[in-house]
Amino acid sequence: MHSFYGSDAATKDLPTTEQLQQGCPSGENPNDLSVYWAPTLYYVNENNYTEILPATFKTYYENIDKAEIPFPPNFYAIAGNASAKSQADIDESITAITWWCDAGPEDRNTRPRAAFPRVTCSAHMQAILRFPDCVDLDHLTNHTYAAAHGGACPSGMKRMPSLRFSIRYDTQIGDGYCFHGDFINGWFDDAAKTMLQAKGQSFMKIDGAHGNGKQYSACKAQDRDPNNGTSDYIESLAMMGMS
């Protein structure tokens, strides 16, 4: 199960940037019709599964000073390893996947950093995840991390802004190695180019032709494909033949 954020034009089929831009965004920036998603967390009590809603889901676009191009249309990427079962399955130095307690206690130096905290968080439990920032413009599925190549993109690739997920949950303990995230670019071209003007700034609100960066949209996001998929965990297992 995954929780989705962004354009409601997402369905079971991989959408194009143009198709996403026909949807309604659930986020605050009307210029960003991208789709972001991450695994849904549940509180499990025997056979009962209760969804844990994120307290906040935020996306940050960083390392603008090093970016050569905005995100190209139809770019999409997955970060993290959905099959990971231990720290050895994750290159944390590249994806930066890390869990910790916002307000303590701090235990990252005594456990694998990609695992859930081994202590009870006094506030939110937060996850950080970084996405690939190098892409081959002739083959958009060929992408990688500059950090995996000495801090620079390989020959034939261009560097994009670095997308980072920051998700805070009102929960405590568990096991989070398989945390991962997905991103499909839906930024309107003018706003994507405006993003590159943030060079040298620690923060910049990305405005565009569709409104200012915190304007929200007048529309209300809805499920555009209700006949495919489910929000019920047990039902999803049955649909996948895993129950």
Protein backbone atom coordinates (compact mmCIF):
# COMPACT_ATOMS: atom_id res chain seq x y z
CA MET A 1 0.00 0.00 0.00
CA HIS A 2 1.16 3.52 -0.78
CA SER A 3 0.01 7.00 0.14
CA PHE A 4 -0.17 9.46 -2.75
CA TYR A 5 0.36 13.22 -2.79
CA GLY A 6 0.12 15.73 -5.62
CA SER A 7 -1.89 15.54 -8.84
CA ASP A 8 -5.04 13.44 -8.69
CA ALA A 9 -4.56 12.49 -12.36
CA ALA A 10 -2.48 9.50 -11.27
CA THR A 11 -4.03 6.11 -12.12
CA LYS A 12 -2.75 2.55 -12.46
CA ASP A 13 -1.02 3.58 -15.70
CA LEU A 14 2.18 5.64 -15.81
CA PRO A 15 1.09 9.22 -16.59
CA THR A 16 2.93 11.80 -18.65
CA THR A 17 3.77 15.23 -17.27
CA GLU A 18 1.07 16.72 -19.51
CA GLN A 19 -1.54 14.31 -18.16
CA LEU A 20 -0.63 15.13 -14.56
CA GLN A 21 -1.04 18.81 -15.33
CA GLN A 22 -4.70 18.17 -16.22
CA GLY A 23 -5.38 17.06 -12.66
CA CYS A 24 -5.97 18.79 -9.35
CA PRO A 25 -3.09 19.06 -6.85
CA SER A 26 -3.45 18.11 -3.20
CA GLY A 27 -0.43 20.23 -2.22
CA GLU A 28 -0.09 23.94 -1.61
CA ASN A 29 1.71 24.92 -4.84
CA PRO A 30 -0.62 25.12 -7.89
CA ASN A 31 2.43 25.08 -10.18
CA ASP A 32 3.43 21.59 -9.03
CA LEU A 33 1.25 18.81 -10.43
CA SER A 34 3.88 16.15 -9.75
CA VAL A 35 2.93 12.90 -8.05
CA TYR A 36 4.79 11.77 -4.95
CA TRP A 37 4.14 8.57 -3.04
CA ALA A 38 5.59 6.48 -0.25
CA PRO A 39 4.61 3.33 1.65
CA THR A 40 1.58 3.59 3.90
CA LEU A 41 2.33 2.90 7.57
CA TYR A 42 -0.07 0.85 9.68
CA TYR A 43 -0.56 0.11 13.34
CA VAL A 44 -1.02 -3.66 13.50
CA ASN A 45 -3.06 -5.30 16.25
CA GLU A 46 -3.51 -8.98 15.42
CA ASN A 47 -5.61 -8.88 12.20
CA ASN A 48 -6.53 -5.22 12.48
CA TYR A 49 -4.63 -2.67 10.41
CA THR A 50 -5.06 1.02 11.25
CA GLU A 51 -3.47 3.51 8.87
CA ILE A 52 -1.06 6.00 10.43
CA LEU A 53 -1.56 9.29 8.63
CA PRO A 54 1.56 11.44 8.24
CA ALA A 55 1.57 14.55 10.39
CA THR A 56 3.36 16.28 7.49
CA PHE A 57 4.62 15.32 4.04
CA LYS A 58 7.07 17.84 2.60
CA THR A 59 9.25 17.94 -0.49
CA TYR A 60 12.42 20.00 -0.69
CA TYR A 61 14.36 20.80 -3.83
CA GLU A 62 18.00 21.31 -2.90
CA ASN A 63 21.48 21.81 -4.38
CA ILE A 64 20.05 24.33 -6.83
CA ASP A 65 23.50 25.91 -7.20
CA LYS A 66 24.72 22.67 -8.79
CA ALA A 67 21.69 22.08 -11.04
CA GLU A 68 22.21 22.52 -14.79
CA ILE A 69 18.63 21.87 -15.89
CA PRO A 70 15.11 21.77 -14.42
CA PHE A 71 13.35 18.42 -14.20
CA PRO A 72 12.61 17.38 -17.80
CA PRO A 73 9.03 16.54 -18.86
CA ASN A 74 8.04 12.91 -18.23
CA PHE A 75 10.92 12.30 -15.81
CA TYR A 76 10.17 9.84 -13.04
CA ALA A 77 12.29 8.03 -10.48
CA ILE A 78 12.17 5.70 -7.49
CA ALA A 79 14.40 6.18 -4.47
CA GLY A 80 15.13 3.59 -1.81
CA ASN A 81 14.80 -0.19 -1.91
CA ALA A 82 11.34 -1.69 -1.42
CA SER A 83 12.91 -5.14 -0.90
CA ALA A 84 15.48 -4.09 1.70
CA LYS A 85 15.60 -6.11 4.90
CA SER A 86 18.76 -4.70 6.49
CA GLN A 87 21.16 -1.77 6.36
CA ALA A 88 23.35 -3.79 3.98
CA ASP A 89 20.60 -3.51 1.34
CA ILE A 90 20.76 0.30 1.36
CA ASP A 91 23.40 2.81 0.35
CA GLU A 92 22.49 5.41 2.95
CA SER A 93 25.39 7.67 1.93
CA ILE A 94 23.66 8.20 -1.44
CA THR A 95 19.91 8.04 -0.79
CA ALA A 96 20.33 9.56 2.70
CA ILE A 97 17.48 7.37 3.95
CA THR A 98 17.32 8.00 7.66
CA TRP A 99 14.75 7.69 10.43
CA TRP A 100 14.90 9.58 13.70
CA CYS A 101 12.83 11.13 16.48
CA ASP A 102 12.22 14.84 15.93
CA ALA A 103 12.42 15.79 19.59
CA GLY A 104 14.53 12.89 20.81
CA PRO A 105 15.63 10.67 22.24
CA GLU A 106 18.51 10.30 19.77
CA ASP A 107 19.70 6.77 19.00
CA ARG A 108 21.01 7.00 15.42
CA ASN A 109 24.58 6.32 16.52
CA THR A 110 23.61 3.02 18.16
CA ARG A 111 21.42 1.48 15.43
CA PRO A 112 21.29 1.16 11.63
CA ARG A 113 20.23 4.61 10.41
CA ALA A 114 17.72 3.26 7.87
CA ALA A 115 15.85 1.37 10.59
CA PHE A 116 13.06 2.83 12.69
CA PRO A 117 14.22 4.28 16.04
CA ARG A 118 14.64 1.63 18.71
CA VAL A 119 13.29 4.00 21.33
CA THR A 120 9.89 5.58 21.89
CA CYS A 121 9.83 8.97 20.16
CA SER A 122 8.68 11.84 22.34
CA ALA A 123 7.26 13.56 19.23
CA HIS A 124 7.12 12.72 15.52
CA MET A 125 9.15 9.99 13.86
CA GLN A 126 10.67 11.46 10.70
CA ALA A 127 11.95 9.86 7.49
CA ILE A 128 14.35 11.48 5.01
CA LEU A 129 14.88 10.19 1.46
CA ARG A 130 16.78 11.68 -1.51
CA PHE A 131 16.12 11.09 -5.20
CA PRO A 132 18.48 10.77 -8.18
CA ASP A 133 19.79 14.12 -9.43
CA CYS A 134 21.54 13.12 -12.69
CA VAL A 135 19.69 12.19 -15.87
CA ASP A 136 20.41 11.23 -19.48
CA LEU A 137 18.09 13.51 -21.47
CA ASP A 138 17.98 11.02 -24.35
CA HIS A 139 16.94 8.16 -22.05
CA LEU A 140 15.07 9.52 -19.01
CA THR A 141 15.03 6.16 -17.23
CA ASN A 142 18.83 6.31 -17.12
CA HIS A 143 19.43 8.32 -13.97
CA THR A 144 21.73 8.20 -10.97
CA TYR A 145 23.10 10.15 -8.00
CA ALA A 146 25.94 12.64 -8.29
CA ALA A 147 27.02 11.43 -4.84
CA ALA A 148 27.69 7.99 -6.34
CA HIS A 149 30.16 9.51 -8.81
CA GLY A 150 32.32 11.76 -6.68
CA GLY A 151 29.81 14.59 -6.54
CA ALA A 152 29.44 15.12 -10.31
CA CYS A 153 27.17 13.58 -12.93
CA PRO A 154 28.68 11.00 -15.30
CA SER A 155 29.53 12.06 -18.85
CA GLY A 156 26.42 12.48 -20.99
CA MET A 157 24.19 13.31 -18.05
CA LYS A 158 22.84 16.61 -16.75
CA ARG A 159 22.33 17.56 -13.14
CA MET A 160 18.88 18.41 -11.79
CA PRO A 161 17.78 19.82 -8.44
CA SER A 162 17.99 17.27 -5.64
CA LEU A 163 14.53 16.19 -4.46
CA ARG A 164 14.21 15.22 -0.80
CA PHE A 165 11.20 13.72 0.97
CA SER A 166 10.62 14.63 4.61
CA ILE A 167 7.76 12.70 6.22
CA ARG A 168 6.73 12.94 9.86
CA TYR A 169 4.58 10.28 11.50
CA ASP A 170 2.81 10.21 14.84
CA THR A 171 4.17 6.78 15.73
CA GLN A 172 6.94 5.13 17.65
CA ILE A 173 8.75 1.89 16.83
CA GLY A 174 9.01 -0.80 14.13
CA ASP A 175 11.33 -1.62 11.19
CA GLY A 176 11.80 0.75 8.24
CA TYR A 177 14.53 -0.61 5.96
CA CYS A 178 12.22 -1.02 2.95
CA PHE A 179 11.09 2.61 2.98
CA HIS A 180 11.14 4.06 -0.51
CA GLY A 181 9.52 6.80 -2.56
CA ASP A 182 8.34 7.52 -6.08
CA PHE A 183 8.26 10.79 -8.04
CA ILE A 184 6.73 11.63 -11.42
CA ASN A 185 7.47 15.15 -12.62
CA GLY A 186 4.41 17.34 -13.08
CA TRP A 187 5.91 20.81 -12.65
CA PHE A 188 4.71 23.38 -15.15
CA ASP A 189 7.69 24.37 -17.30
CA ASP A 190 7.80 28.03 -16.26
CA ALA A 191 7.85 27.19 -12.54
CA ALA A 192 10.43 24.43 -13.04
CA LYS A 193 12.73 26.98 -14.68
CA THR A 194 12.00 29.51 -11.93
CA MET A 195 13.25 26.94 -9.42
CA LEU A 196 16.75 27.30 -10.86
CA GLN A 197 16.72 30.99 -9.92
CA ALA A 198 17.03 29.96 -6.28
CA LYS A 199 20.81 29.64 -6.66
CA GLY A 200 22.52 31.09 -3.61
CA GLN A 201 19.34 31.14 -1.52
CA SER A 202 18.56 28.96 1.47
CA PHE A 203 14.83 29.03 0.68
CA MET A 204 12.65 30.27 -2.16
CA LYS A 205 8.93 29.93 -2.77
CA ILE A 206 8.39 28.75 -6.36
CA ASP A 207 5.78 30.95 -8.02
CA GLY A 208 4.52 30.54 -11.56
CA ALA A 209 1.81 31.30 -14.08
CA HIS A 210 -0.67 29.15 -12.13
CA GLY A 211 -0.27 31.04 -8.86
CA ASN A 212 2.14 31.76 -6.03
CA GLY A 213 3.86 28.94 -4.24
CA LYS A 214 1.48 28.85 -1.28
CA GLN A 215 -1.76 29.74 -3.01
CA TYR A 216 -3.27 26.24 -3.08
CA SER A 217 -5.69 25.30 -5.84
CA ALA A 218 -9.40 26.09 -6.00
CA CYS A 219 -10.16 22.50 -7.04
CA LYS A 220 -10.52 19.49 -4.74
CA ALA A 221 -8.42 16.40 -5.41
CA GLN A 222 -10.38 13.18 -5.95
CA ASP A 223 -9.84 9.56 -6.96
CA ARG A 224 -9.82 9.57 -10.78
CA ASP A 225 -9.71 5.77 -11.03
CA PRO A 226 -11.90 4.37 -8.22
CA ASN A 227 -12.47 1.04 -9.95
CA ASN A 228 -8.80 0.10 -9.75
CA GLY A 229 -7.03 -0.15 -6.42
CA THR A 230 -8.21 0.10 -2.83
CA SER A 231 -7.40 1.91 0.40
CA ASP A 232 -7.99 -1.24 2.45
CA TYR A 233 -4.84 -3.19 3.29
CA ILE A 234 -6.44 -6.64 3.59
CA GLU A 235 -8.36 -6.13 0.35
CA SER A 236 -5.15 -5.07 -1.39
CA LEU A 237 -3.48 -8.35 -0.42
CA ALA A 238 -6.40 -10.28 -1.89
CA MET A 239 -6.24 -8.25 -5.11
CA MET A 240 -2.55 -9.10 -5.45
CA GLY A 241 -3.14 -12.77 -4.61
CA MET A 242 -1.14 -12.49 -1.40
CA SER A 243 -3.84 -13.08 1.21
